[in-house]
Amino acid sequence: MIPYDDRILPTNWYWALFIIAICALVAYFYWRERRIKAAANRALRLQNDTASLELQALQAQMDPHFIFNSLNAIHHFILTTSTELASLYLTRFAKLMRFTITNVNKDLIKLEEDIEALEIYMQLEKLRFEGKFIYQIKLAPELTGKVILVPPLVIQPYVQHAIWHHILQRPQDEGGLLIINIHRRGSALLIRVEDNGVRNNRTEMEHKRQSLVIAAARLHRLSNKFHVGTHIVEEEVLDEQHEHQGNRIIIRIDGELAPMV
């Protein structure tokens, strides 16, 4: 029989604890390394998605049809109307393009800057489609003179959609109306785009709504980044007899994405 030695057991336990500690340490660093890599991959994917959305937003804003039609309108004004009107159109067009390129990669800009660019865009379209529609921008008095931050190039796609696919599709050549109403409701900023154009044909218009999808995706990404609520609602405007009168889109931004200073 091998004699019992009480020194063997503690020594074996020390080695066992040492091995367990080493394994735990290796496992921890392995887990930590995988976690760091996963976080880096998520950040890279987010950066790539952001860059892709910004590029798509730029492409949607600088729509080839809009650019071609604007240049064609300038050419028309030069030949048939006056060089003064052509110069005015060209100046506004250049200013809008500069705004687009400068701000497309920004998360937030001042609301007054976005409204200025939006008005330039509507001036160009109103000039090009002379007599077919008028527009109004209604900014609530409590917002005047305040610094409010909004995502750039988000309102314009909805305005463009209202002009091209609602107002210009009216059977009447005149009488189109586009109203942009911006106001506060509690802590929320509400942007309402309303027109008296034709009803949306969902099937026919699906392939033409890319700019709206991009705008909604950019707004959703920013809401996640700043941890605020954003909502986009599309609805039909009906009269008392429930007949179609127009279309309305409401963009709602809650919380710190739209601070009022």
Protein backbone atom coordinates (compact mmCIF):
# COMPACT_ATOMS: atom_id res chain seq x y z
CA MET A 1 0.00 0.00 0.00
CA ILE A 2 1.23 3.48 -0.94
CA PRO A 3 1.44 5.64 2.13
CA TYR A 4 -0.83 8.74 2.21
CA ASP A 5 0.98 12.03 1.83
CA ASP A 6 -1.17 15.07 2.71
CA ARG A 7 1.18 17.30 0.64
CA ILE A 8 0.13 15.71 -2.68
CA LEU A 9 -3.51 16.86 -2.63
CA PRO A 10 -2.84 20.58 -2.12
CA THR A 11 -0.16 20.52 -4.79
CA ASN A 12 -2.53 18.88 -7.27
CA TRP A 13 -5.23 21.44 -6.42
CA TYR A 14 -2.84 24.29 -7.03
CA TRP A 15 -2.02 22.94 -10.47
CA ALA A 16 -5.70 22.35 -11.25
CA LEU A 17 -6.63 25.88 -10.20
CA PHE A 18 -3.73 27.27 -12.19
CA ILE A 19 -4.83 25.41 -15.34
CA ILE A 20 -8.47 26.49 -14.86
CA ALA A 21 -7.37 30.09 -14.41
CA ILE A 22 -5.27 29.95 -17.59
CA CYS A 23 -8.17 28.42 -19.56
CA ALA A 24 -10.57 31.04 -18.21
CA LEU A 25 -8.14 33.81 -19.10
CA VAL A 26 -7.69 32.47 -22.63
CA ALA A 27 -11.45 32.08 -23.03
CA TYR A 28 -12.01 35.63 -21.79
CA PHE A 29 -9.52 37.16 -24.23
CA TYR A 30 -10.93 35.03 -27.05
CA TRP A 31 -14.48 36.19 -26.22
CA ARG A 32 -13.29 39.79 -25.87
CA GLU A 33 -11.50 39.66 -29.22
CA ARG A 34 -14.59 38.27 -30.95
CA ARG A 35 -16.76 40.93 -29.31
CA ILE A 36 -14.42 43.71 -30.48
CA LYS A 37 -14.38 42.31 -34.00
CA ALA A 38 -18.18 42.01 -34.04
CA ALA A 39 -18.54 45.61 -32.86
CA ALA A 40 -16.06 46.77 -35.49
CA ASN A 41 -17.96 44.86 -38.18
CA ARG A 42 -21.25 46.41 -37.05
CA ALA A 43 -19.71 49.88 -37.11
CA LEU A 44 -18.29 49.20 -40.58
CA ARG A 45 -21.65 47.96 -41.86
CA LEU A 46 -23.36 51.03 -40.39
CA GLN A 47 -20.77 53.29 -42.01
CA ASN A 48 -21.22 51.54 -45.35
CA ASP A 49 -25.00 51.72 -45.06
CA THR A 50 -24.77 55.41 -44.20
CA ALA A 51 -22.50 56.11 -47.14
CA SER A 52 -24.80 54.13 -49.41
CA LEU A 53 -27.87 56.04 -48.20
CA GLU A 54 -26.08 59.36 -48.66
CA LEU A 55 -25.08 58.41 -52.20
CA GLN A 56 -28.60 57.25 -52.99
CA ALA A 57 -30.02 60.44 -51.49
CA LEU A 58 -27.66 62.50 -53.63
CA GLN A 59 -28.64 60.53 -56.72
CA ALA A 60 -32.34 60.90 -55.89
CA GLN A 61 -32.00 64.61 -55.22
CA MET A 62 -29.98 65.17 -58.41
CA ASP A 63 -32.52 63.23 -60.45
CA PRO A 64 -31.33 63.00 -64.07
CA HIS A 65 -34.78 63.96 -65.32
CA PHE A 66 -34.87 67.04 -63.09
CA ILE A 67 -31.38 68.12 -64.15
CA PHE A 68 -32.08 67.52 -67.85
CA ASN A 69 -35.44 69.28 -67.69
CA SER A 70 -33.98 72.24 -65.79
CA LEU A 71 -31.18 72.69 -68.31
CA ASN A 72 -33.67 72.29 -71.12
CA ALA A 73 -35.87 74.97 -69.52
CA ILE A 74 -32.87 77.32 -69.29
CA HIS A 75 -32.16 76.68 -72.96
CA HIS A 76 -35.79 77.37 -73.79
CA PHE A 77 -35.76 80.66 -71.87
CA ILE A 78 -32.62 81.77 -73.68
CA LEU A 79 -34.16 81.08 -77.10
CA THR A 80 -37.74 82.19 -76.59
CA THR A 81 -38.14 84.41 -73.55
CA SER A 82 -35.24 86.41 -72.19
CA THR A 83 -31.67 85.93 -71.08
CA GLU A 84 -32.62 87.63 -67.80
CA LEU A 85 -35.13 84.89 -66.95
CA ALA A 86 -32.67 82.23 -68.06
CA SER A 87 -29.99 83.78 -65.83
CA LEU A 88 -32.38 83.77 -62.85
CA TYR A 89 -33.24 80.11 -63.43
CA LEU A 90 -29.60 79.14 -63.83
CA THR A 91 -28.58 80.98 -60.64
CA ARG A 92 -31.27 79.23 -58.61
CA PHE A 93 -30.43 75.86 -60.16
CA ALA A 94 -26.72 76.27 -59.32
CA LYS A 95 -27.56 77.29 -55.75
CA LEU A 96 -29.75 74.22 -55.26
CA MET A 97 -27.06 71.89 -56.62
CA ARG A 98 -24.45 73.45 -54.32
CA PHE A 99 -26.74 73.00 -51.31
CA THR A 100 -27.37 69.38 -52.25
CA ILE A 101 -23.71 68.45 -52.64
CA THR A 102 -22.68 70.36 -49.49
CA ASN A 103 -25.31 68.95 -47.12
CA VAL A 104 -26.12 65.44 -48.34
CA ASN A 105 -23.55 63.82 -46.00
CA LYS A 106 -24.64 65.77 -42.91
CA ASP A 107 -26.86 64.24 -40.26
CA LEU A 108 -28.62 67.48 -39.35
CA ILE A 109 -28.89 71.03 -40.64
CA LYS A 110 -30.92 74.08 -39.63
CA LEU A 111 -34.57 73.95 -40.61
CA GLU A 112 -34.37 77.44 -42.13
CA GLU A 113 -31.59 76.25 -44.48
CA ASP A 114 -33.64 73.25 -45.59
CA ILE A 115 -36.67 75.47 -46.17
CA GLU A 116 -34.56 77.89 -48.22
CA ALA A 117 -33.37 75.04 -50.47
CA LEU A 118 -36.90 73.65 -50.65
CA GLU A 119 -38.25 77.01 -51.77
CA ILE A 120 -35.58 77.30 -54.46
CA TYR A 121 -36.59 73.88 -55.76
CA MET A 122 -40.29 74.83 -55.85
CA GLN A 123 -39.48 78.14 -57.55
CA LEU A 124 -37.67 76.24 -60.29
CA GLU A 125 -40.53 73.80 -60.78
CA LYS A 126 -43.15 76.58 -60.68
CA LEU A 127 -41.18 78.52 -63.27
CA ARG A 128 -40.78 75.46 -65.48
CA PHE A 129 -44.46 74.45 -65.21
CA GLU A 130 -45.71 78.00 -65.56
CA GLY A 131 -49.29 78.46 -64.36
CA LYS A 132 -49.89 74.83 -63.40
CA PHE A 133 -49.55 75.19 -59.63
CA ILE A 134 -48.82 77.54 -56.80
CA TYR A 135 -47.24 76.71 -53.44
CA GLN A 136 -47.29 77.96 -49.87
CA ILE A 137 -44.87 77.39 -47.01
CA LYS A 138 -46.48 77.95 -43.62
CA LEU A 139 -44.05 78.12 -40.71
CA ALA A 140 -45.70 78.41 -37.30
CA PRO A 141 -44.92 81.71 -35.53
CA GLU A 142 -43.41 79.94 -32.52
CA LEU A 143 -40.76 78.43 -34.80
CA THR A 144 -39.68 81.72 -36.35
CA GLY A 145 -36.21 82.76 -35.24
CA LYS A 146 -35.59 79.44 -33.48
CA VAL A 147 -32.71 77.06 -34.21
CA ILE A 148 -34.32 73.75 -35.16
CA LEU A 149 -32.30 70.86 -36.54
CA VAL A 150 -33.70 68.48 -39.13
CA PRO A 151 -32.23 65.90 -41.52
CA PRO A 152 -31.29 67.51 -44.87
CA LEU A 153 -32.97 66.52 -48.11
CA VAL A 154 -35.86 64.72 -46.41
CA ILE A 155 -38.79 67.04 -47.16
CA GLN A 156 -37.87 67.66 -50.80
CA PRO A 157 -38.51 64.11 -52.12
CA TYR A 158 -42.10 64.26 -50.83
CA VAL A 159 -42.59 67.69 -52.39
CA GLN A 160 -41.15 66.44 -55.69
CA HIS A 161 -43.44 63.41 -55.58
CA ALA A 162 -46.46 65.63 -54.90
CA ILE A 163 -45.63 67.89 -57.86
CA TRP A 164 -44.71 65.25 -60.42
CA HIS A 165 -47.11 62.44 -59.60
CA HIS A 166 -50.10 64.24 -58.08
CA ILE A 167 -50.42 67.87 -59.23
CA LEU A 168 -49.07 67.55 -62.78
CA GLN A 169 -51.32 64.52 -63.37
CA ARG A 170 -54.45 66.60 -62.77
CA PRO A 171 -56.78 66.78 -65.80
CA GLN A 172 -56.87 70.57 -65.38
CA ASP A 173 -53.92 72.57 -66.68
CA GLU A 174 -54.21 75.12 -63.87
CA GLY A 175 -55.23 75.29 -60.22
CA GLY A 176 -52.64 72.98 -58.66
CA LEU A 177 -51.94 73.76 -55.01
CA LEU A 178 -49.10 72.57 -52.79
CA ILE A 179 -48.96 73.51 -49.10
CA ILE A 180 -46.08 72.77 -46.72
CA ASN A 181 -47.10 73.34 -43.11
CA ILE A 182 -44.46 73.14 -40.34
CA HIS A 183 -45.45 73.45 -36.69
CA ARG A 184 -44.97 72.06 -33.20
CA ARG A 185 -47.24 69.73 -31.28
CA GLY A 186 -45.83 69.33 -27.81
CA SER A 187 -42.23 68.22 -28.19
CA ALA A 188 -42.79 66.95 -31.74
CA LEU A 189 -42.02 68.74 -34.99
CA LEU A 190 -44.68 68.10 -37.63
CA ILE A 191 -44.03 68.66 -41.33
CA ARG A 192 -47.15 68.31 -43.47
CA VAL A 193 -47.02 68.21 -47.28
CA GLU A 194 -50.48 68.51 -48.82
CA ASP A 195 -51.58 68.76 -52.46
CA ASN A 196 -54.81 68.78 -54.45
CA GLY A 197 -53.53 66.35 -57.06
CA VAL A 198 -54.74 62.96 -58.23
CA ARG A 199 -54.85 59.84 -56.10
CA ASN A 200 -51.79 57.60 -55.86
CA ASN A 201 -51.91 54.57 -58.14
CA ARG A 202 -49.90 52.15 -55.97
CA THR A 203 -49.17 49.60 -58.68
CA GLU A 204 -48.22 52.12 -61.35
CA MET A 205 -46.16 54.33 -59.01
CA GLU A 206 -44.21 51.64 -57.14
CA HIS A 207 -41.09 51.94 -59.31
CA LYS A 208 -41.21 55.76 -59.08
CA ARG A 209 -41.08 55.94 -55.27
CA GLN A 210 -37.39 55.22 -54.80
CA SER A 211 -36.63 58.71 -53.49
CA LEU A 212 -39.36 58.34 -50.85
CA VAL A 213 -37.97 54.99 -49.71
CA ILE A 214 -34.49 56.52 -49.43
CA ALA A 215 -35.80 59.51 -47.48
CA ALA A 216 -37.65 57.21 -45.05
CA ALA A 217 -34.57 55.00 -44.62
CA ARG A 218 -32.34 57.99 -43.84
CA LEU A 219 -34.86 59.30 -41.32
CA HIS A 220 -35.08 55.86 -39.68
CA ARG A 221 -31.28 55.61 -39.43
CA LEU A 222 -31.07 59.03 -37.80
CA SER A 223 -33.86 58.17 -35.36
CA ASN A 224 -31.86 55.13 -34.25
CA LYS A 225 -28.67 57.15 -33.98
CA PHE A 226 -30.22 59.91 -31.85
CA HIS A 227 -32.69 57.62 -30.03
CA VAL A 228 -35.79 59.58 -30.99
CA GLY A 229 -39.09 58.73 -32.60
CA THR A 230 -39.80 59.48 -36.25
CA HIS A 231 -42.96 58.65 -38.17
CA ILE A 232 -44.15 59.13 -41.75
CA VAL A 233 -47.87 58.90 -42.53
CA GLU A 234 -49.42 59.01 -46.01
CA GLU A 235 -53.14 59.64 -46.27
CA GLU A 236 -55.80 60.66 -48.72
CA VAL A 237 -57.66 63.95 -48.28
CA LEU A 238 -61.43 63.51 -48.61
CA ASP A 239 -64.28 66.01 -48.71
CA GLU A 240 -67.58 65.75 -46.82
CA GLN A 241 -68.93 63.33 -49.43
CA HIS A 242 -65.80 61.20 -49.04
CA GLU A 243 -64.61 62.14 -52.52
CA HIS A 244 -60.91 62.46 -53.26
CA GLN A 245 -59.61 66.00 -52.78
CA GLY A 246 -55.88 65.47 -52.57
CA ASN A 247 -53.03 63.81 -50.74
CA ARG A 248 -51.21 64.45 -47.48
CA ILE A 249 -47.90 63.27 -46.05
CA ILE A 250 -47.02 63.98 -42.42
CA ILE A 251 -43.44 63.69 -41.18
CA ARG A 252 -43.22 63.65 -37.38
CA ILE A 253 -39.93 64.08 -35.51
CA ASP A 254 -39.96 63.66 -31.72
CA GLY A 255 -37.35 64.62 -29.17
CA GLU A 256 -33.77 65.80 -29.46
CA LEU A 257 -33.49 65.31 -33.21
CA ALA A 258 -35.43 68.54 -33.54
CA PRO A 259 -34.34 70.73 -30.60
CA MET A 260 -35.72 74.24 -30.35
CA VAL A 261 -33.19 76.73 -29.04
